Amino acid sequence: SVNEKGVATIVMVTHDAFSASYAKDVY
């Protein structure tokens, strides 16, 4: 929500595909 509102740019490390699916891009 805060990312889509333009409040935050986020880089997240995760092992979990479900968590990663909330991102806009997965590397």
PDB file of all heavy atoms in Angstrom:
ATOM      1  N   SER A   1       0.824  -1.208   0.000  1.00  0.00           N
ATOM      2  CA  SER A   1       0.000   0.000   0.000  1.00  0.00           C
ATOM      3  C   SER A   1       0.857   1.257   0.000  1.00  0.00           C
ATOM      4  O   SER A   1       0.638   2.169  -0.810  1.00  0.00           O
ATOM      5  CB  SER A   1      -0.935   0.007   1.210  1.00  0.00           C
ATOM      6  OG  SER A   1      -1.657   1.213   1.287  1.00  0.00           O
ATOM      7  N   VAL A   2       1.853   1.319   0.888  1.00  0.00           N
ATOM      8  CA  VAL A   2       2.673   2.538   0.936  1.00  0.00           C
ATOM      9  C   VAL A   2       3.523   2.680  -0.319  1.00  0.00           C
ATOM     10  O   VAL A   2       3.812   3.789  -0.763  1.00  0.00           O
ATOM     11  CB  VAL A   2       3.563   2.597   2.212  1.00  0.00           C
ATOM     12  CG1 VAL A   2       2.714   2.683   3.466  1.00  0.00           C
ATOM     13  CG2 VAL A   2       4.519   1.410   2.290  1.00  0.00           C
ATOM     14  N   ASN A   3       3.902   1.561  -0.919  1.00  0.00           N
ATOM     15  CA  ASN A   3       4.639   1.631  -2.184  1.00  0.00           C
ATOM     16  C   ASN A   3       3.750   2.162  -3.305  1.00  0.00           C
ATOM     17  O   ASN A   3       4.152   3.033  -4.081  1.00  0.00           O
ATOM     18  CB  ASN A   3       5.188   0.254  -2.544  1.00  0.00           C
ATOM     19  CG  ASN A   3       5.799   0.224  -3.926  1.00  0.00           C
ATOM     20  OD1 ASN A   3       5.200  -0.301  -4.877  1.00  0.00           O
ATOM     21  ND2 ASN A   3       6.975   0.792  -4.079  1.00  0.00           N
ATOM     22  N   GLU A   4       2.534   1.662  -3.390  1.00  0.00           N
ATOM     23  CA  GLU A   4       1.637   2.094  -4.465  1.00  0.00           C
ATOM     24  C   GLU A   4       1.205   3.549  -4.304  1.00  0.00           C
ATOM     25  O   GLU A   4       0.874   4.215  -5.292  1.00  0.00           O
ATOM     26  CB  GLU A   4       0.415   1.171  -4.514  1.00  0.00           C
ATOM     27  CG  GLU A   4       0.759  -0.231  -5.034  1.00  0.00           C
ATOM     28  CD  GLU A   4      -0.433  -1.166  -5.027  1.00  0.00           C
ATOM     29  OE1 GLU A   4      -1.439  -0.847  -4.340  1.00  0.00           O
ATOM     30  OE2 GLU A   4      -0.366  -2.212  -5.702  1.00  0.00           O
ATOM     31  N   LYS A   5       1.220   4.040  -3.074  1.00  0.00           N
ATOM     32  CA  LYS A   5       0.899   5.447  -2.831  1.00  0.00           C
ATOM     33  C   LYS A   5       2.091   6.368  -3.071  1.00  0.00           C
ATOM     34  O   LYS A   5       1.979   7.594  -2.918  1.00  0.00           O
ATOM     35  CB  LYS A   5       0.391   5.630  -1.394  1.00  0.00           C
ATOM     36  CG  LYS A   5      -0.973   4.993  -1.138  1.00  0.00           C
ATOM     37  CD  LYS A   5      -1.356   5.109   0.329  1.00  0.00           C
ATOM     38  CE  LYS A   5      -2.700   4.426   0.603  1.00  0.00           C
ATOM     39  NZ  LYS A   5      -3.035   4.450   2.047  1.00  0.00           N
ATOM     40  N   GLY A   6       3.231   5.781  -3.417  1.00  0.00           N
ATOM     41  CA  GLY A   6       4.420   6.586  -3.688  1.00  0.00           C
ATOM     42  C   GLY A   6       5.185   6.995  -2.456  1.00  0.00           C
ATOM     43  O   GLY A   6       6.062   7.860  -2.519  1.00  0.00           O
ATOM     44  N   VAL A   7       4.873   6.373  -1.319  1.00  0.00           N
ATOM     45  CA  VAL A   7       5.531   6.732  -0.057  1.00  0.00           C
ATOM     46  C   VAL A   7       6.900   6.068   0.071  1.00  0.00           C
ATOM     47  O   VAL A   7       7.806   6.630   0.686  1.00  0.00           O
ATOM     48  CB  VAL A   7       4.635   6.348   1.145  1.00  0.00           C
ATOM     49  CG1 VAL A   7       5.345   6.600   2.471  1.00  0.00           C
ATOM     50  CG2 VAL A   7       3.314   7.109   1.091  1.00  0.00           C
ATOM     51  N   ALA A   8       7.039   4.877  -0.508  1.00  0.00           N
ATOM     52  CA  ALA A   8       8.253   4.105  -0.253  1.00  0.00           C
ATOM     53  C   ALA A   8       8.729   3.378  -1.500  1.00  0.00           C
ATOM     54  O   ALA A   8       7.926   2.815  -2.252  1.00  0.00           O
ATOM     55  CB  ALA A   8       8.004   3.093   0.862  1.00  0.00           C
ATOM     56  N   THR A   9      10.045   3.394  -1.715  1.00  0.00           N
ATOM     57  CA  THR A   9      10.723   2.513  -2.658  1.00  0.00           C
ATOM     58  C   THR A   9      11.312   1.380  -1.833  1.00  0.00           C
ATOM     59  O   THR A   9      11.994   1.629  -0.838  1.00  0.00           O
ATOM     60  CB  THR A   9      11.829   3.268  -3.408  1.00  0.00           C
ATOM     61  OG1 THR A   9      11.244   4.350  -4.133  1.00  0.00           O
ATOM     62  CG2 THR A   9      12.588   2.358  -4.351  1.00  0.00           C
ATOM     63  N   ILE A  10      11.047   0.137  -2.222  1.00  0.00           N
ATOM     64  CA  ILE A  10      11.375  -1.002  -1.363  1.00  0.00           C
ATOM     65  C   ILE A  10      12.209  -2.030  -2.113  1.00  0.00           C
ATOM     66  O   ILE A  10      11.908  -2.385  -3.249  1.00  0.00           O
ATOM     67  CB  ILE A  10      10.085  -1.687  -0.846  1.00  0.00           C
ATOM     68  CG1 ILE A  10       9.220  -0.694  -0.063  1.00  0.00           C
ATOM     69  CG2 ILE A  10      10.429  -2.891   0.033  1.00  0.00           C
ATOM     70  CD1 ILE A  10       7.827  -1.213   0.266  1.00  0.00           C
ATOM     71  N   VAL A  11      13.273  -2.503  -1.453  1.00  0.00           N
ATOM     72  CA  VAL A  11      14.033  -3.663  -1.908  1.00  0.00           C
ATOM     73  C   VAL A  11      13.986  -4.694  -0.797  1.00  0.00           C
ATOM     74  O   VAL A  11      14.425  -4.423   0.329  1.00  0.00           O
ATOM     75  CB  VAL A  11      15.491  -3.304  -2.246  1.00  0.00           C
ATOM     76  CG1 VAL A  11      16.269  -4.564  -2.636  1.00  0.00           C
ATOM     77  CG2 VAL A  11      15.548  -2.287  -3.378  1.00  0.00           C
ATOM     78  N   MET A  12      13.458  -5.859  -1.107  1.00  0.00           N
ATOM     79  CA  MET A  12      13.218  -6.893  -0.086  1.00  0.00           C
ATOM     80  C   MET A  12      13.897  -8.203  -0.494  1.00  0.00           C
ATOM     81  O   MET A  12      13.756  -8.662  -1.624  1.00  0.00           O
ATOM     82  CB  MET A  12      11.702  -7.117   0.052  1.00  0.00           C
ATOM     83  CG  MET A  12      11.296  -8.289   0.930  1.00  0.00           C
ATOM     84  SD  MET A  12       9.484  -8.426   1.099  1.00  0.00           S
ATOM     85  CE  MET A  12       9.014  -8.972  -0.554  1.00  0.00           C
ATOM     86  N   VAL A  13      14.630  -8.783   0.437  1.00  0.00           N
ATOM     87  CA  VAL A  13      15.125 -10.144   0.266  1.00  0.00           C
ATOM     88  C   VAL A  13      14.140 -11.092   0.928  1.00  0.00           C
ATOM     89  O   VAL A  13      13.715 -10.862   2.065  1.00  0.00           O
ATOM     90  CB  VAL A  13      16.525 -10.306   0.891  1.00  0.00           C
ATOM     91  CG1 VAL A  13      16.826 -11.773   1.181  1.00  0.00           C
ATOM     92  CG2 VAL A  13      17.589  -9.757  -0.032  1.00  0.00           C
ATOM     93  N   THR A  14      13.754 -12.127   0.202  1.00  0.00           N
ATOM     94  CA  THR A  14      12.838 -13.109   0.780  1.00  0.00           C
ATOM     95  C   THR A  14      13.105 -14.479   0.179  1.00  0.00           C
ATOM     96  O   THR A  14      13.527 -14.600  -0.977  1.00  0.00           O
ATOM     97  CB  THR A  14      11.364 -12.709   0.544  1.00  0.00           C
ATOM     98  OG1 THR A  14      10.513 -13.700   1.135  1.00  0.00           O
ATOM     99  CG2 THR A  14      11.045 -12.566  -0.938  1.00  0.00           C
ATOM    100  N   HIS A  15      12.858 -15.520   0.970  1.00  0.00           N
ATOM    101  CA  HIS A  15      12.943 -16.889   0.477  1.00  0.00           C
ATOM    102  C   HIS A  15      11.587 -17.374  -0.020  1.00  0.00           C
ATOM    103  O   HIS A  15      11.484 -18.440  -0.613  1.00  0.00           O
ATOM    104  CB  HIS A  15      13.408 -17.835   1.600  1.00  0.00           C
ATOM    105  CG  HIS A  15      12.389 -17.988   2.688  1.00  0.00           C
ATOM    106  ND1 HIS A  15      12.282 -17.089   3.736  1.00  0.00           N
ATOM    107  CD2 HIS A  15      11.407 -18.900   2.869  1.00  0.00           C
ATOM    108  CE1 HIS A  15      11.281 -17.463   4.524  1.00  0.00           C
ATOM    109  NE2 HIS A  15      10.736 -18.545   4.011  1.00  0.00           N
ATOM    110  N   ASP A  16      10.543 -16.587   0.240  1.00  0.00           N
ATOM    111  CA  ASP A  16       9.166 -17.045   0.103  1.00  0.00           C
ATOM    112  C   ASP A  16       8.511 -16.483  -1.160  1.00  0.00           C
ATOM    113  O   ASP A  16       8.429 -15.264  -1.338  1.00  0.00           O
ATOM    114  CB  ASP A  16       8.392 -16.602   1.351  1.00  0.00           C
ATOM    115  CG  ASP A  16       6.922 -16.965   1.286  1.00  0.00           C
ATOM    116  OD1 ASP A  16       6.619 -18.136   1.023  1.00  0.00           O
ATOM    117  OD2 ASP A  16       6.084 -16.072   1.491  1.00  0.00           O
ATOM    118  N   ALA A  17       8.029 -17.360  -2.020  1.00  0.00           N
ATOM    119  CA  ALA A  17       7.415 -16.933  -3.282  1.00  0.00           C
ATOM    120  C   ALA A  17       6.155 -16.106  -3.044  1.00  0.00           C
ATOM    121  O   ALA A  17       5.876 -15.162  -3.790  1.00  0.00           O
ATOM    122  CB  ALA A  17       7.081 -18.151  -4.139  1.00  0.00           C
ATOM    123  N   PHE A  18       5.384 -16.440  -2.022  1.00  0.00           N
ATOM    124  CA  PHE A  18       4.170 -15.672  -1.746  1.00  0.00           C
ATOM    125  C   PHE A  18       4.525 -14.240  -1.363  1.00  0.00           C
ATOM    126  O   PHE A  18       3.916 -13.281  -1.848  1.00  0.00           O
ATOM    127  CB  PHE A  18       3.366 -16.334  -0.634  1.00  0.00           C
ATOM    128  CG  PHE A  18       2.097 -15.592  -0.300  1.00  0.00           C
ATOM    129  CD1 PHE A  18       1.012 -15.603  -1.172  1.00  0.00           C
ATOM    130  CD2 PHE A  18       1.991 -14.865   0.875  1.00  0.00           C
ATOM    131  CE1 PHE A  18      -0.153 -14.904  -0.872  1.00  0.00           C
ATOM    132  CE2 PHE A  18       0.830 -14.171   1.186  1.00  0.00           C
ATOM    133  CZ  PHE A  18      -0.244 -14.195   0.307  1.00  0.00           C
ATOM    134  N   SER A  19       5.524 -14.071  -0.500  1.00  0.00           N
ATOM    135  CA  SER A  19       5.970 -12.720  -0.139  1.00  0.00           C
ATOM    136  C   SER A  19       6.477 -11.977  -1.370  1.00  0.00           C
ATOM    137  O   SER A  19       6.152 -10.803  -1.580  1.00  0.00           O
ATOM    138  CB  SER A  19       7.080 -12.793   0.912  1.00  0.00           C
ATOM    139  OG  SER A  19       6.607 -13.373   2.113  1.00  0.00           O
ATOM    140  N   ALA A  20       7.255 -12.654  -2.191  1.00  0.00           N
ATOM    141  CA  ALA A  20       7.811 -12.022  -3.384  1.00  0.00           C
ATOM    142  C   ALA A  20       6.725 -11.568  -4.350  1.00  0.00           C
ATOM    143  O   ALA A  20       6.898 -10.580  -5.070  1.00  0.00           O
ATOM    144  CB  ALA A  20       8.765 -12.988  -4.085  1.00  0.00           C
ATOM    145  N   SER A  21       5.581 -12.253  -4.347  1.00  0.00           N
ATOM    146  CA  SER A  21       4.508 -11.916  -5.291  1.00  0.00           C
ATOM    147  C   SER A  21       3.866 -10.568  -4.994  1.00  0.00           C
ATOM    148  O   SER A  21       3.118 -10.043  -5.827  1.00  0.00           O
ATOM    149  CB  SER A  21       3.438 -13.013  -5.288  1.00  0.00           C
ATOM    150  OG  SER A  21       2.686 -13.017  -4.082  1.00  0.00           O
ATOM    151  N   TYR A  22       4.150  -9.974  -3.834  1.00  0.00           N
ATOM    152  CA  TYR A  22       3.666  -8.629  -3.512  1.00  0.00           C
ATOM    153  C   TYR A  22       4.510  -7.547  -4.187  1.00  0.00           C
ATOM    154  O   TYR A  22       4.088  -6.396  -4.272  1.00  0.00           O
ATOM    155  CB  TYR A  22       3.663  -8.405  -2.004  1.00  0.00           C
ATOM    156  CG  TYR A  22       2.456  -8.997  -1.310  1.00  0.00           C
ATOM    157  CD1 TYR A  22       2.402 -10.347  -0.992  1.00  0.00           C
ATOM    158  CD2 TYR A  22       1.356  -8.200  -0.980  1.00  0.00           C
ATOM    159  CE1 TYR A  22       1.295 -10.894  -0.367  1.00  0.00           C
ATOM    160  CE2 TYR A  22       0.234  -8.737  -0.357  1.00  0.00           C
ATOM    161  CZ  TYR A  22       0.215 -10.083  -0.058  1.00  0.00           C
ATOM    162  OH  TYR A  22      -0.895 -10.622   0.549  1.00  0.00           O
ATOM    163  N   ALA A  23       5.712  -7.911  -4.630  1.00  0.00           N
ATOM    164  CA  ALA A  23       6.598  -6.952  -5.275  1.00  0.00           C
ATOM    165  C   ALA A  23       6.148  -6.688  -6.709  1.00  0.00           C
ATOM    166  O   ALA A  23       5.331  -7.423  -7.275  1.00  0.00           O
ATOM    167  CB  ALA A  23       8.035  -7.472  -5.256  1.00  0.00           C
ATOM    168  N   LYS A  24       6.689  -5.633  -7.299  1.00  0.00           N
ATOM    169  CA  LYS A  24       6.420  -5.346  -8.707  1.00  0.00           C
ATOM    170  C   LYS A  24       7.354  -6.139  -9.620  1.00  0.00           C
ATOM    171  O   LYS A  24       6.980  -6.489 -10.742  1.00  0.00           O
ATOM    172  CB  LYS A  24       6.591  -3.849  -8.977  1.00  0.00           C
ATOM    173  CG  LYS A  24       5.544  -2.969  -8.296  1.00  0.00           C
ATOM    174  CD  LYS A  24       5.852  -1.484  -8.510  1.00  0.00           C
ATOM    175  CE  LYS A  24       4.810  -0.598  -7.837  1.00  0.00           C
ATOM    176  NZ  LYS A  24       5.160   0.842  -7.922  1.00  0.00           N
ATOM    177  N   ASP A  25       8.567  -6.377  -9.132  1.00  0.00           N
ATOM    178  CA  ASP A  25       9.547  -7.139  -9.895  1.00  0.00           C
ATOM    179  C   ASP A  25      10.300  -8.071  -8.959  1.00  0.00           C
ATOM    180  O   ASP A  25      10.603  -7.710  -7.818  1.00  0.00           O
ATOM    181  CB  ASP A  25      10.554  -6.211 -10.584  1.00  0.00           C
ATOM    182  CG  ASP A  25       9.917  -5.308 -11.614  1.00  0.00           C
ATOM    183  OD1 ASP A  25       9.676  -5.779 -12.736  1.00  0.00           O
ATOM    184  OD2 ASP A  25       9.651  -4.140 -11.288  1.00  0.00           O
ATOM    185  N   VAL A  26      10.609  -9.246  -9.463  1.00  0.00           N
ATOM    186  CA  VAL A  26      11.382 -10.229  -8.707  1.00  0.00           C
ATOM    187  C   VAL A  26      12.650 -10.548  -9.484  1.00  0.00           C
ATOM    188  O   VAL A  26      12.593 -10.887 -10.673  1.00  0.00           O
ATOM    189  CB  VAL A  26      10.573 -11.526  -8.466  1.00  0.00           C
ATOM    190  CG1 VAL A  26      11.453 -12.595  -7.824  1.00  0.00           C
ATOM    191  CG2 VAL A  26       9.353 -11.249  -7.587  1.00  0.00           C
ATOM    192  N   TYR A  27      13.785 -10.412  -8.823  1.00  0.00           N
ATOM    193  CA  TYR A  27      15.069 -10.781  -9.400  1.00  0.00           C
ATOM    194  C   TYR A  27      15.552 -12.051  -8.704  1.00  0.00           C
ATOM    195  O   TYR A  27      15.557 -12.116  -7.469  1.00  0.00           O
ATOM    196  CB  TYR A  27      16.094  -9.667  -9.200  1.00  0.00           C
ATOM    197  CG  TYR A  27      15.835  -8.443 -10.042  1.00  0.00           C
ATOM    198  CD1 TYR A  27      14.932  -7.462  -9.630  1.00  0.00           C
ATOM    199  CD2 TYR A  27      16.490  -8.256 -11.255  1.00  0.00           C
ATOM    200  CE1 TYR A  27      14.691  -6.330 -10.399  1.00  0.00           C
ATOM    201  CE2 TYR A  27      16.269  -7.131 -12.028  1.00  0.00           C
ATOM    202  CZ  TYR A  27      15.369  -6.174 -11.596  1.00  0.00           C
ATOM    203  OH  TYR A  27      15.131  -5.063 -12.366  1.00  0.00           O
TER     204      TYR A  27
END
